[in-house]
Every structure is written in C-alpha cells, then in structure tokens.
Amino acid sequence: MELGMLRGLRSLAPVLDAPKLEELVLTRDVPVSDEDVERMLAHPTLRAFLWVALDVPLHRSRPVLERTDAALERARSVHVDTWLAERHGLGGPRADDPPTPAEL
C-alpha cells in the first residue's frame, strides 16, 4: 500500500488493521506515531516499509526509520502496471514509459 501527504491523518491504525498487508510505502508528510511504529513492527504479515520523507523534519522521520530499518525490509515504490506484471503477468510497462529510478 502506498500513502502520500496526509497531514490530517491521525493514525495509520486503519491501514495497519489490514490483515494481509505486506508492504507499506509512505510518501512525503504522513504523520507516524510511536504507536504506529509498534503496530508495524508487530504486524503479522508486514515485511517491508519505505518512507520517502522529502518534506519531513529529521527529528520526526529519523527515529521511525531507525526502528523500521532494523526490523523490516526496504519496500519499493512501484507503478501499478509494473506491480500487476510482476504479480499476475498482466500489463507491464509500455515502451513509451519513462525509466524508473532503478533503471537510471
């Protein structure tokens, strides 16, 4: 699951309630509480996390990333076409799509 810039969000709890959540990618300013981090680390199926914290002060993002990096794999942000191709053999990138950062 990928979430981005949700400054008004009070908690990631509804997302972390997903019983089959495997990866979580946060982009930009998404509030993450200590309780959210505890729930991520205790989640039975969450294996990967990434926070692209471009506009988030280090005093907020660093403690979260230090704890999650030690326990979870690093997730990657993937376009839906690529995800479908990898998981189900559907879609896939088109010839005119720009290269992904990993391809540069």
PDB file of N, CA and C in Angstrom:
ATOM      1  N   MET A   1       0.847  -1.156   0.000  1.00  0.00           N
ATOM      2  CA  MET A   1       0.000   0.000   0.000  1.00  0.00           C
ATOM      3  C   MET A   1       0.897   1.224   0.000  1.00  0.00           C
ATOM      4  N   GLU A   2       0.460   2.241  -0.722  1.00  0.00           N
ATOM      5  CA  GLU A   2       1.227   3.478  -0.785  1.00  0.00           C
ATOM      6  C   GLU A   2       0.332   4.648  -0.392  1.00  0.00           C
ATOM      7  N   LEU A   3       0.804   5.448   0.552  1.00  0.00           N
ATOM      8  CA  LEU A   3       0.088   6.636   1.014  1.00  0.00           C
ATOM      9  C   LEU A   3       0.997   7.837   0.872  1.00  0.00           C
ATOM     10  N   GLY A   4       0.411   8.991   0.537  1.00  0.00           N
ATOM     11  CA  GLY A   4       1.227  10.178   0.401  1.00  0.00           C
ATOM     12  C   GLY A   4       0.560  11.425   0.913  1.00  0.00           C
ATOM     13  N   MET A   5       1.344  12.274   1.552  1.00  0.00           N
ATOM     14  CA  MET A   5       0.978  13.585   2.065  1.00  0.00           C
ATOM     15  C   MET A   5      -0.426  13.631   2.664  1.00  0.00           C
ATOM     16  N   LEU A   6      -0.545  13.071   3.827  1.00  0.00           N
ATOM     17  CA  LEU A   6      -1.815  13.060   4.548  1.00  0.00           C
ATOM     18  C   LEU A   6      -1.616  13.714   5.911  1.00  0.00           C
ATOM     19  N   ARG A   7      -1.357  15.003   5.904  1.00  0.00           N
ATOM     20  CA  ARG A   7      -1.049  15.713   7.149  1.00  0.00           C
ATOM     21  C   ARG A   7      -2.177  15.628   8.172  1.00  0.00           C
ATOM     22  N   GLY A   8      -3.419  15.510   7.722  1.00  0.00           N
ATOM     23  CA  GLY A   8      -4.550  15.460   8.641  1.00  0.00           C
ATOM     24  C   GLY A   8      -4.812  14.083   9.220  1.00  0.00           C
ATOM     25  N   LEU A   9      -4.076  13.087   8.774  1.00  0.00           N
ATOM     26  CA  LEU A   9      -4.262  11.725   9.264  1.00  0.00           C
ATOM     27  C   LEU A   9      -3.848  11.643  10.729  1.00  0.00           C
ATOM     28  N   ARG A  10      -4.685  11.048  11.548  1.00  0.00           N
ATOM     29  CA  ARG A  10      -4.379  10.954  12.975  1.00  0.00           C
ATOM     30  C   ARG A  10      -3.585   9.707  13.331  1.00  0.00           C
ATOM     31  N   SER A  11      -3.776   8.650  12.535  1.00  0.00           N
ATOM     32  CA  SER A  11      -3.119   7.392  12.857  1.00  0.00           C
ATOM     33  C   SER A  11      -3.077   6.507  11.622  1.00  0.00           C
ATOM     34  N   LEU A  12      -2.077   5.659  11.557  1.00  0.00           N
ATOM     35  CA  LEU A  12      -2.007   4.651  10.497  1.00  0.00           C
ATOM     36  C   LEU A  12      -2.783   3.395  10.880  1.00  0.00           C
ATOM     37  N   ALA A  13      -3.446   3.409  12.030  1.00  0.00           N
ATOM     38  CA  ALA A  13      -4.145   2.222  12.532  1.00  0.00           C
ATOM     39  C   ALA A  13      -5.084   1.588  11.509  1.00  0.00           C
ATOM     40  N   PRO A  14      -5.920   2.354  10.794  1.00  0.00           N
ATOM     41  CA  PRO A  14      -6.802   1.704   9.817  1.00  0.00           C
ATOM     42  C   PRO A  14      -6.032   0.951   8.726  1.00  0.00           C
ATOM     43  N   VAL A  15      -4.901   1.489   8.321  1.00  0.00           N
ATOM     44  CA  VAL A  15      -4.064   0.816   7.322  1.00  0.00           C
ATOM     45  C   VAL A  15      -3.443  -0.429   7.935  1.00  0.00           C
ATOM     46  N   LEU A  16      -2.949  -0.290   9.150  1.00  0.00           N
ATOM     47  CA  LEU A  16      -2.270  -1.398   9.813  1.00  0.00           C
ATOM     48  C   LEU A  16      -3.230  -2.482  10.292  1.00  0.00           C
ATOM     49  N   ASP A  17      -4.532  -2.214  10.211  1.00  0.00           N
ATOM     50  CA  ASP A  17      -5.533  -3.240  10.521  1.00  0.00           C
ATOM     51  C   ASP A  17      -5.721  -4.220   9.366  1.00  0.00           C
ATOM     52  N   ALA A  18      -5.183  -3.892   8.196  1.00  0.00           N
ATOM     53  CA  ALA A  18      -5.315  -4.790   7.040  1.00  0.00           C
ATOM     54  C   ALA A  18      -4.597  -6.102   7.359  1.00  0.00           C
ATOM     55  N   PRO A  19      -5.320  -7.215   7.378  1.00  0.00           N
ATOM     56  CA  PRO A  19      -4.723  -8.471   7.830  1.00  0.00           C
ATOM     57  C   PRO A  19      -3.653  -9.043   6.910  1.00  0.00           C
ATOM     58  N   LYS A  20      -3.654  -8.668   5.650  1.00  0.00           N
ATOM     59  CA  LYS A  20      -2.679  -9.230   4.709  1.00  0.00           C
ATOM     60  C   LYS A  20      -1.722  -8.174   4.163  1.00  0.00           C
ATOM     61  N   LEU A  21      -1.565  -7.082   4.886  1.00  0.00           N
ATOM     62  CA  LEU A  21      -0.653  -6.018   4.484  1.00  0.00           C
ATOM     63  C   LEU A  21       0.774  -6.557   4.456  1.00  0.00           C
ATOM     64  N   GLU A  22       1.443  -6.424   3.313  1.00  0.00           N
ATOM     65  CA  GLU A  22       2.808  -6.925   3.175  1.00  0.00           C
ATOM     66  C   GLU A  22       3.835  -5.807   3.071  1.00  0.00           C
ATOM     67  N   GLU A  23       3.470  -4.724   2.394  1.00  0.00           N
ATOM     68  CA  GLU A  23       4.391  -3.611   2.194  1.00  0.00           C
ATOM     69  C   GLU A  23       3.657  -2.304   2.443  1.00  0.00           C
ATOM     70  N   LEU A  24       4.375  -1.342   2.998  1.00  0.00           N
ATOM     71  CA  LEU A  24       3.815  -0.018   3.227  1.00  0.00           C
ATOM     72  C   LEU A  24       4.836   1.012   2.775  1.00  0.00           C
ATOM     73  N   VAL A  25       4.395   1.902   1.881  1.00  0.00           N
ATOM     74  CA  VAL A  25       5.239   2.987   1.383  1.00  0.00           C
ATOM     75  C   VAL A  25       4.543   4.303   1.724  1.00  0.00           C
ATOM     76  N   LEU A  26       5.243   5.162   2.433  1.00  0.00           N
ATOM     77  CA  LEU A  26       4.741   6.494   2.748  1.00  0.00           C
ATOM     78  C   LEU A  26       5.545   7.497   1.945  1.00  0.00           C
ATOM     79  N   THR A  27       4.842   8.447   1.344  1.00  0.00           N
ATOM     80  CA  THR A  27       5.495   9.471   0.545  1.00  0.00           C
ATOM     81  C   THR A  27       5.159  10.838   1.117  1.00  0.00           C
ATOM     82  N   ARG A  28       6.185  11.580   1.435  1.00  0.00           N
ATOM     83  CA  ARG A  28       6.090  12.938   1.947  1.00  0.00           C
ATOM     84  C   ARG A  28       5.587  12.957   3.383  1.00  0.00           C
ATOM     85  N   ASP A  29       4.812  13.978   3.744  1.00  0.00           N
ATOM     86  CA  ASP A  29       4.453  14.209   5.142  1.00  0.00           C
ATOM     87  C   ASP A  29       3.226  13.401   5.550  1.00  0.00           C
ATOM     88  N   VAL A  30       3.485  12.259   6.129  1.00  0.00           N
ATOM     89  CA  VAL A  30       2.437  11.405   6.682  1.00  0.00           C
ATOM     90  C   VAL A  30       2.764  11.246   8.169  1.00  0.00           C
ATOM     91  N   PRO A  31       1.851  11.652   9.049  1.00  0.00           N
ATOM     92  CA  PRO A  31       2.138  11.514  10.477  1.00  0.00           C
ATOM     93  C   PRO A  31       2.294  10.042  10.878  1.00  0.00           C
ATOM     94  N   VAL A  32       3.374   9.741  11.582  1.00  0.00           N
ATOM     95  CA  VAL A  32       3.628   8.386  12.073  1.00  0.00           C
ATOM     96  C   VAL A  32       3.923   8.494  13.567  1.00  0.00           C
ATOM     97  N   SER A  33       3.070   7.882  14.373  1.00  0.00           N
ATOM     98  CA  SER A  33       3.248   7.941  15.826  1.00  0.00           C
ATOM     99  C   SER A  33       4.084   6.762  16.314  1.00  0.00           C
ATOM    100  N   ASP A  34       4.521   6.845  17.569  1.00  0.00           N
ATOM    101  CA  ASP A  34       5.236   5.721  18.181  1.00  0.00           C
ATOM    102  C   ASP A  34       4.351   4.475  18.189  1.00  0.00           C
ATOM    103  N   GLU A  35       3.067   4.672  18.444  1.00  0.00           N
ATOM    104  CA  GLU A  35       2.126   3.540  18.435  1.00  0.00           C
ATOM    105  C   GLU A  35       2.044   2.919  17.039  1.00  0.00           C
ATOM    106  N   ASP A  36       2.057   3.761  15.997  1.00  0.00           N
ATOM    107  CA  ASP A  36       2.048   3.235  14.626  1.00  0.00           C
ATOM    108  C   ASP A  36       3.277   2.363  14.374  1.00  0.00           C
ATOM    109  N   VAL A  37       4.431   2.823  14.838  1.00  0.00           N
ATOM    110  CA  VAL A  37       5.665   2.052  14.645  1.00  0.00           C
ATOM    111  C   VAL A  37       5.568   0.720  15.383  1.00  0.00           C
ATOM    112  N   GLU A  38       5.063   0.737  16.613  1.00  0.00           N
ATOM    113  CA  GLU A  38       4.893  -0.509  17.367  1.00  0.00           C
ATOM    114  C   GLU A  38       3.981  -1.474  16.614  1.00  0.00           C
ATOM    115  N   ARG A  39       2.913  -0.942  16.045  1.00  0.00           N
ATOM    116  CA  ARG A  39       1.982  -1.799  15.294  1.00  0.00           C
ATOM    117  C   ARG A  39       2.628  -2.338  14.026  1.00  0.00           C
ATOM    118  N   MET A  40       3.455  -1.526  13.357  1.00  0.00           N
ATOM    119  CA  MET A  40       4.166  -2.011  12.168  1.00  0.00           C
ATOM    120  C   MET A  40       5.079  -3.174  12.536  1.00  0.00           C
ATOM    121  N   LEU A  41       5.849  -2.987  13.596  1.00  0.00           N
ATOM    122  CA  LEU A  41       6.816  -4.000  13.994  1.00  0.00           C
ATOM    123  C   LEU A  41       6.144  -5.285  14.473  1.00  0.00           C
ATOM    124  N   ALA A  42       4.929  -5.170  15.001  1.00  0.00           N
ATOM    125  CA  ALA A  42       4.207  -6.345  15.496  1.00  0.00           C
ATOM    126  C   ALA A  42       3.262  -6.945  14.456  1.00  0.00           C
ATOM    127  N   HIS A  43       3.119  -6.289  13.314  1.00  0.00           N
ATOM    128  CA  HIS A  43       2.160  -6.761  12.306  1.00  0.00           C
ATOM    129  C   HIS A  43       2.577  -8.147  11.812  1.00  0.00           C
ATOM    130  N   PRO A  44       1.638  -9.083  11.733  1.00  0.00           N
ATOM    131  CA  PRO A  44       1.998 -10.459  11.383  1.00  0.00           C
ATOM    132  C   PRO A  44       2.447 -10.672   9.937  1.00  0.00           C
ATOM    133  N   THR A  45       2.046  -9.786   9.020  1.00  0.00           N
ATOM    134  CA  THR A  45       2.405 -10.009   7.612  1.00  0.00           C
ATOM    135  C   THR A  45       3.231  -8.888   6.999  1.00  0.00           C
ATOM    136  N   LEU A  46       3.357  -7.755   7.681  1.00  0.00           N
ATOM    137  CA  LEU A  46       4.131  -6.636   7.127  1.00  0.00           C
ATOM    138  C   LEU A  46       5.609  -7.012   7.108  1.00  0.00           C
ATOM    139  N   ARG A  47       6.188  -7.016   5.910  1.00  0.00           N
ATOM    140  CA  ARG A  47       7.594  -7.405   5.789  1.00  0.00           C
ATOM    141  C   ARG A  47       8.477  -6.279   5.271  1.00  0.00           C
ATOM    142  N   ALA A  48       7.861  -5.220   4.680  1.00  0.00           N
ATOM    143  CA  ALA A  48       8.676  -4.169   4.069  1.00  0.00           C
ATOM    144  C   ALA A  48       8.033  -2.797   4.284  1.00  0.00           C
ATOM    145  N   PHE A  49       8.903  -1.792   4.475  1.00  0.00           N
ATOM    146  CA  PHE A  49       8.450  -0.428   4.730  1.00  0.00           C
ATOM    147  C   PHE A  49       9.419   0.547   4.077  1.00  0.00           C
ATOM    148  N   LEU A  50       8.868   1.633   3.558  1.00  0.00           N
ATOM    149  CA  LEU A  50       9.677   2.716   3.000  1.00  0.00           C
ATOM    150  C   LEU A  50       8.964   4.026   3.281  1.00  0.00           C
ATOM    151  N   TRP A  51       9.719   5.018   3.723  1.00  0.00           N
ATOM    152  CA  TRP A  51       9.160   6.360   3.898  1.00  0.00           C
ATOM    153  C   TRP A  51      10.036   7.318   3.122  1.00  0.00           C
ATOM    154  N   VAL A  52       9.482   7.861   2.044  1.00  0.00           N
ATOM    155  CA  VAL A  52      10.153   8.885   1.250  1.00  0.00           C
ATOM    156  C   VAL A  52       9.783  10.210   1.918  1.00  0.00           C
ATOM    157  N   ALA A  53      10.531  10.566   2.923  1.00  0.00           N
ATOM    158  CA  ALA A  53      10.197  11.673   3.816  1.00  0.00           C
ATOM    159  C   ALA A  53      10.818  12.981   3.335  1.00  0.00           C
ATOM    160  N   LEU A  54      10.495  13.369   2.115  1.00  0.00           N
ATOM    161  CA  LEU A  54      11.110  14.542   1.490  1.00  0.00           C
ATOM    162  C   LEU A  54      10.899  15.836   2.265  1.00  0.00           C
ATOM    163  N   ASP A  55       9.714  16.055   2.769  1.00  0.00           N
ATOM    164  CA  ASP A  55       9.394  17.316   3.439  1.00  0.00           C
ATOM    165  C   ASP A  55       9.141  17.126   4.932  1.00  0.00           C
ATOM    166  N   VAL A  56       9.708  16.071   5.493  1.00  0.00           N
ATOM    167  CA  VAL A  56       9.501  15.756   6.904  1.00  0.00           C
ATOM    168  C   VAL A  56      10.788  16.063   7.670  1.00  0.00           C
ATOM    169  N   PRO A  57      10.692  16.827   8.751  1.00  0.00           N
ATOM    170  CA  PRO A  57      11.893  17.126   9.534  1.00  0.00           C
ATOM    171  C   PRO A  57      12.557  15.841  10.046  1.00  0.00           C
ATOM    172  N   LEU A  58      13.879  15.859  10.080  1.00  0.00           N
ATOM    173  CA  LEU A  58      14.629  14.682  10.529  1.00  0.00           C
ATOM    174  C   LEU A  58      14.260  14.247  11.942  1.00  0.00           C
ATOM    175  N   HIS A  59      13.917  15.196  12.807  1.00  0.00           N
ATOM    176  CA  HIS A  59      13.574  14.814  14.183  1.00  0.00           C
ATOM    177  C   HIS A  59      12.304  13.966  14.232  1.00  0.00           C
ATOM    178  N   ARG A  60      11.482  14.017  13.183  1.00  0.00           N
ATOM    179  CA  ARG A  60      10.290  13.163  13.104  1.00  0.00           C
ATOM    180  C   ARG A  60      10.551  11.884  12.335  1.00  0.00           C
ATOM    181  N   SER A  61      11.287  11.964  11.242  1.00  0.00           N
ATOM    182  CA  SER A  61      11.455  10.788  10.381  1.00  0.00           C
ATOM    183  C   SER A  61      12.569   9.848  10.840  1.00  0.00           C
ATOM    184  N   ARG A  62      13.664  10.386  11.332  1.00  0.00           N
ATOM    185  CA  ARG A  62      14.821   9.541  11.675  1.00  0.00           C
ATOM    186  C   ARG A  62      14.494   8.457  12.708  1.00  0.00           C
ATOM    187  N   PRO A  63      13.815   8.770  13.824  1.00  0.00           N
ATOM    188  CA  PRO A  63      13.520   7.709  14.797  1.00  0.00           C
ATOM    189  C   PRO A  63      12.659   6.582  14.210  1.00  0.00           C
ATOM    190  N   VAL A  64      11.720   6.945  13.364  1.00  0.00           N
ATOM    191  CA  VAL A  64      10.865   5.936  12.725  1.00  0.00           C
ATOM    192  C   VAL A  64      11.703   5.050  11.820  1.00  0.00           C
ATOM    193  N   LEU A  65      12.518   5.670  10.982  1.00  0.00           N
ATOM    194  CA  LEU A  65      13.320   4.906  10.025  1.00  0.00           C
ATOM    195  C   LEU A  65      14.379   4.052  10.715  1.00  0.00           C
ATOM    196  N   GLU A  66      14.955   4.543  11.795  1.00  0.00           N
ATOM    197  CA  GLU A  66      15.937   3.738  12.520  1.00  0.00           C
ATOM    198  C   GLU A  66      15.306   2.459  13.060  1.00  0.00           C
ATOM    199  N   ARG A  67      14.112   2.574  13.595  1.00  0.00           N
ATOM    200  CA  ARG A  67      13.441   1.391  14.160  1.00  0.00           C
ATOM    201  C   ARG A  67      12.953   0.443  13.076  1.00  0.00           C
ATOM    202  N   THR A  68      12.371   0.989  12.018  1.00  0.00           N
ATOM    203  CA  THR A  68      11.818   0.110  10.983  1.00  0.00           C
ATOM    204  C   THR A  68      12.906  -0.491  10.109  1.00  0.00           C
ATOM    205  N   ASP A  69      13.973   0.263   9.831  1.00  0.00           N
ATOM    206  CA  ASP A  69      15.063  -0.276   9.002  1.00  0.00           C
ATOM    207  C   ASP A  69      15.729  -1.475   9.667  1.00  0.00           C
ATOM    208  N   ALA A  70      15.761  -1.488  10.986  1.00  0.00           N
ATOM    209  CA  ALA A  70      16.392  -2.593  11.705  1.00  0.00           C
ATOM    210  C   ALA A  70      15.542  -3.862  11.672  1.00  0.00           C
ATOM    211  N   ALA A  71      14.227  -3.716  11.460  1.00  0.00           N
ATOM    212  CA  ALA A  71      13.335  -4.872  11.580  1.00  0.00           C
ATOM    213  C   ALA A  71      12.647  -5.286  10.284  1.00  0.00           C
ATOM    214  N   LEU A  72      12.503  -4.354   9.342  1.00  0.00           N
ATOM    215  CA  LEU A  72      11.744  -4.637   8.123  1.00  0.00           C
ATOM    216  C   LEU A  72      12.613  -4.437   6.890  1.00  0.00           C
ATOM    217  N   GLU A  73      12.277  -5.170   5.841  1.00  0.00           N
ATOM    218  CA  GLU A  73      12.938  -4.952   4.553  1.00  0.00           C
ATOM    219  C   GLU A  73      12.580  -3.559   4.057  1.00  0.00           C
ATOM    220  N   ARG A  74      13.345  -3.063   3.115  1.00  0.00           N
ATOM    221  CA  ARG A  74      13.021  -1.785   2.495  1.00  0.00           C
ATOM    222  C   ARG A  74      12.066  -2.042   1.334  1.00  0.00           C
ATOM    223  N   ALA A  75      10.880  -1.458   1.410  1.00  0.00           N
ATOM    224  CA  ALA A  75       9.897  -1.585   0.334  1.00  0.00           C
ATOM    225  C   ALA A  75      10.335  -0.721  -0.837  1.00  0.00           C
ATOM    226  N   ARG A  76       9.706  -0.931  -1.972  1.00  0.00           N
ATOM    227  CA  ARG A  76       9.992  -0.077  -3.126  1.00  0.00           C
ATOM    228  C   ARG A  76       8.674   0.415  -3.691  1.00  0.00           C
ATOM    229  N   SER A  77       8.702   1.632  -4.146  1.00  0.00           N
ATOM    230  CA  SER A  77       7.525   2.227  -4.759  1.00  0.00           C
ATOM    231  C   SER A  77       7.443   1.719  -6.194  1.00  0.00           C
ATOM    232  N   VAL A  78       6.308   1.133  -6.551  1.00  0.00           N
ATOM    233  CA  VAL A  78       6.152   0.510  -7.861  1.00  0.00           C
ATOM    234  C   VAL A  78       4.877   1.026  -8.516  1.00  0.00           C
ATOM    235  N   HIS A  79       4.959   1.366  -9.792  1.00  0.00           N
ATOM    236  CA  HIS A  79       3.780   1.775 -10.552  1.00  0.00           C
ATOM    237  C   HIS A  79       2.842   0.584 -10.680  1.00  0.00           C
ATOM    238  N   VAL A  80       1.550   0.828 -10.700  1.00  0.00           N
ATOM    239  CA  VAL A  80       0.557  -0.248 -10.729  1.00  0.00           C
ATOM    240  C   VAL A  80       0.761  -1.205 -11.903  1.00  0.00           C
ATOM    241  N   ASP A  81       1.137  -0.706 -13.078  1.00  0.00           N
ATOM    242  CA  ASP A  81       1.365  -1.591 -14.230  1.00  0.00           C
ATOM    243  C   ASP A  81       2.503  -2.574 -13.958  1.00  0.00           C
ATOM    244  N   THR A  82       3.548  -2.092 -13.340  1.00  0.00           N
ATOM    245  CA  THR A  82       4.681  -2.957 -13.016  1.00  0.00           C
ATOM    246  C   THR A  82       4.283  -3.987 -11.971  1.00  0.00           C
ATOM    247  N   TRP A  83       3.534  -3.556 -10.967  1.00  0.00           N
ATOM    248  CA  TRP A  83       3.087  -4.474  -9.922  1.00  0.00           C
ATOM    249  C   TRP A  83       2.233  -5.587 -10.509  1.00  0.00           C
ATOM    250  N   LEU A  84       1.277  -5.219 -11.373  1.00  0.00           N
ATOM    251  CA  LEU A  84       0.419  -6.231 -11.997  1.00  0.00           C
ATOM    252  C   LEU A  84       1.233  -7.195 -12.849  1.00  0.00           C
ATOM    253  N   ALA A  85       2.206  -6.679 -13.572  1.00  0.00           N
ATOM    254  CA  ALA A  85       3.041  -7.535 -14.414  1.00  0.00           C
ATOM    255  C   ALA A  85       3.850  -8.510 -13.562  1.00  0.00           C
ATOM    256  N   GLU A  86       4.409  -8.018 -12.471  1.00  0.00           N
ATOM    257  CA  GLU A  86       5.231  -8.867 -11.611  1.00  0.00           C
ATOM    258  C   GLU A  86       4.405  -9.906 -10.872  1.00  0.00           C
ATOM    259  N   ARG A  87       3.240  -9.521 -10.392  1.00  0.00           N
ATOM    260  CA  ARG A  87       2.418 -10.411  -9.582  1.00  0.00           C
ATOM    261  C   ARG A  87       1.546 -11.351 -10.399  1.00  0.00           C
ATOM    262  N   HIS A  88       1.029 -10.838 -11.510  1.00  0.00           N
ATOM    263  CA  HIS A  88      -0.004 -11.589 -12.220  1.00  0.00           C
ATOM    264  C   HIS A  88       0.246 -11.728 -13.715  1.00  0.00           C
ATOM    265  N   GLY A  89       1.375 -11.242 -14.191  1.00  0.00           N
ATOM    266  CA  GLY A  89       1.661 -11.336 -15.618  1.00  0.00           C
ATOM    267  C   GLY A  89       0.763 -10.461 -16.471  1.00  0.00           C
ATOM    268  N   LEU A  90       0.181  -9.434 -15.872  1.00  0.00           N
ATOM    269  CA  LEU A  90      -0.724  -8.529 -16.586  1.00  0.00           C
ATOM    270  C   LEU A  90      -0.059  -7.180 -16.793  1.00  0.00           C
ATOM    271  N   GLY A  91      -0.459  -6.496 -17.837  1.00  0.00           N
ATOM    272  CA  GLY A  91       0.012  -5.129 -18.061  1.00  0.00           C
ATOM    273  C   GLY A  91       1.502  -5.082 -18.283  1.00  0.00           C
ATOM    274  N   GLY A  92       2.172  -4.332 -17.453  1.00  0.00           N
ATOM    275  CA  GLY A  92       3.607  -4.153 -17.596  1.00  0.00           C
ATOM    276  C   GLY A  92       3.901  -2.797 -18.184  1.00  0.00           C
ATOM    277  N   PRO A  93       5.118  -2.347 -18.062  1.00  0.00           N
ATOM    278  CA  PRO A  93       5.467  -1.030 -18.591  1.00  0.00           C
ATOM    279  C   PRO A  93       5.325  -0.980 -20.105  1.00  0.00           C
ATOM    280  N   ARG A  94       4.907   0.178 -20.581  1.00  0.00           N
ATOM    281  CA  ARG A  94       4.802   0.392 -22.025  1.00  0.00           C
ATOM    282  C   ARG A  94       6.132   0.920 -22.539  1.00  0.00           C
ATOM    283  N   ALA A  95       6.343   0.776 -23.823  1.00  0.00           N
ATOM    284  CA  ALA A  95       7.608   1.205 -24.437  1.00  0.00           C
ATOM    285  C   ALA A  95       7.850   2.701 -24.255  1.00  0.00           C
ATOM    286  N   ASP A  96       6.778   3.504 -24.173  1.00  0.00           N
ATOM    287  CA  ASP A  96       6.943   4.950 -24.056  1.00  0.00           C
ATOM    288  C   ASP A  96       6.995   5.432 -22.603  1.00  0.00           C
ATOM    289  N   ASP A  97       6.950   4.511 -21.632  1.00  0.00           N
ATOM    290  CA  ASP A  97       7.043   4.902 -20.232  1.00  0.00           C
ATOM    291  C   ASP A  97       8.452   5.395 -19.923  1.00  0.00           C
ATOM    292  N   PRO A  98       8.573   6.429 -19.085  1.00  0.00           N
ATOM    293  CA  PRO A  98       9.913   6.874 -18.693  1.00  0.00           C
ATOM    294  C   PRO A  98      10.566   5.807 -17.820  1.00  0.00           C
ATOM    295  N   PRO A  99      11.888   5.785 -17.777  1.00  0.00           N
ATOM    296  CA  PRO A  99      12.564   4.784 -16.949  1.00  0.00           C
ATOM    297  C   PRO A  99      12.293   5.028 -15.468  1.00  0.00           C
ATOM    298  N   THR A 100      12.257   3.969 -14.700  1.00  0.00           N
ATOM    299  CA  THR A 100      12.113   4.091 -13.257  1.00  0.00           C
ATOM    300  C   THR A 100      13.460   4.494 -12.676  1.00  0.00           C
ATOM    301  N   PRO A 101      13.482   5.019 -11.440  1.00  0.00           N
ATOM    302  CA  PRO A 101      14.769   5.385 -10.835  1.00  0.00           C
ATOM    303  C   PRO A 101      15.753   4.211 -10.802  1.00  0.00           C
ATOM    304  N   ALA A 102      15.259   3.001 -10.616  1.00  0.00           N
ATOM    305  CA  ALA A 102      16.145   1.834 -10.571  1.00  0.00           C
ATOM    306  C   ALA A 102      16.778   1.550 -11.934  1.00  0.00           C
ATOM    307  N   GLU A 103      16.121   1.989 -13.003  1.00  0.00           N
ATOM    308  CA  GLU A 103      16.627   1.738 -14.354  1.00  0.00           C
ATOM    309  C   GLU A 103      17.627   2.797 -14.813  1.00  0.00           C
ATOM    310  N   LEU A 104      17.703   3.910 -14.090  1.00  0.00           N
ATOM    311  CA  LEU A 104      18.606   5.001 -14.487  1.00  0.00           C
ATOM    312  C   LEU A 104      20.033   4.691 -14.160  1.00  0.00           C
TER     313      LEU A 104
END
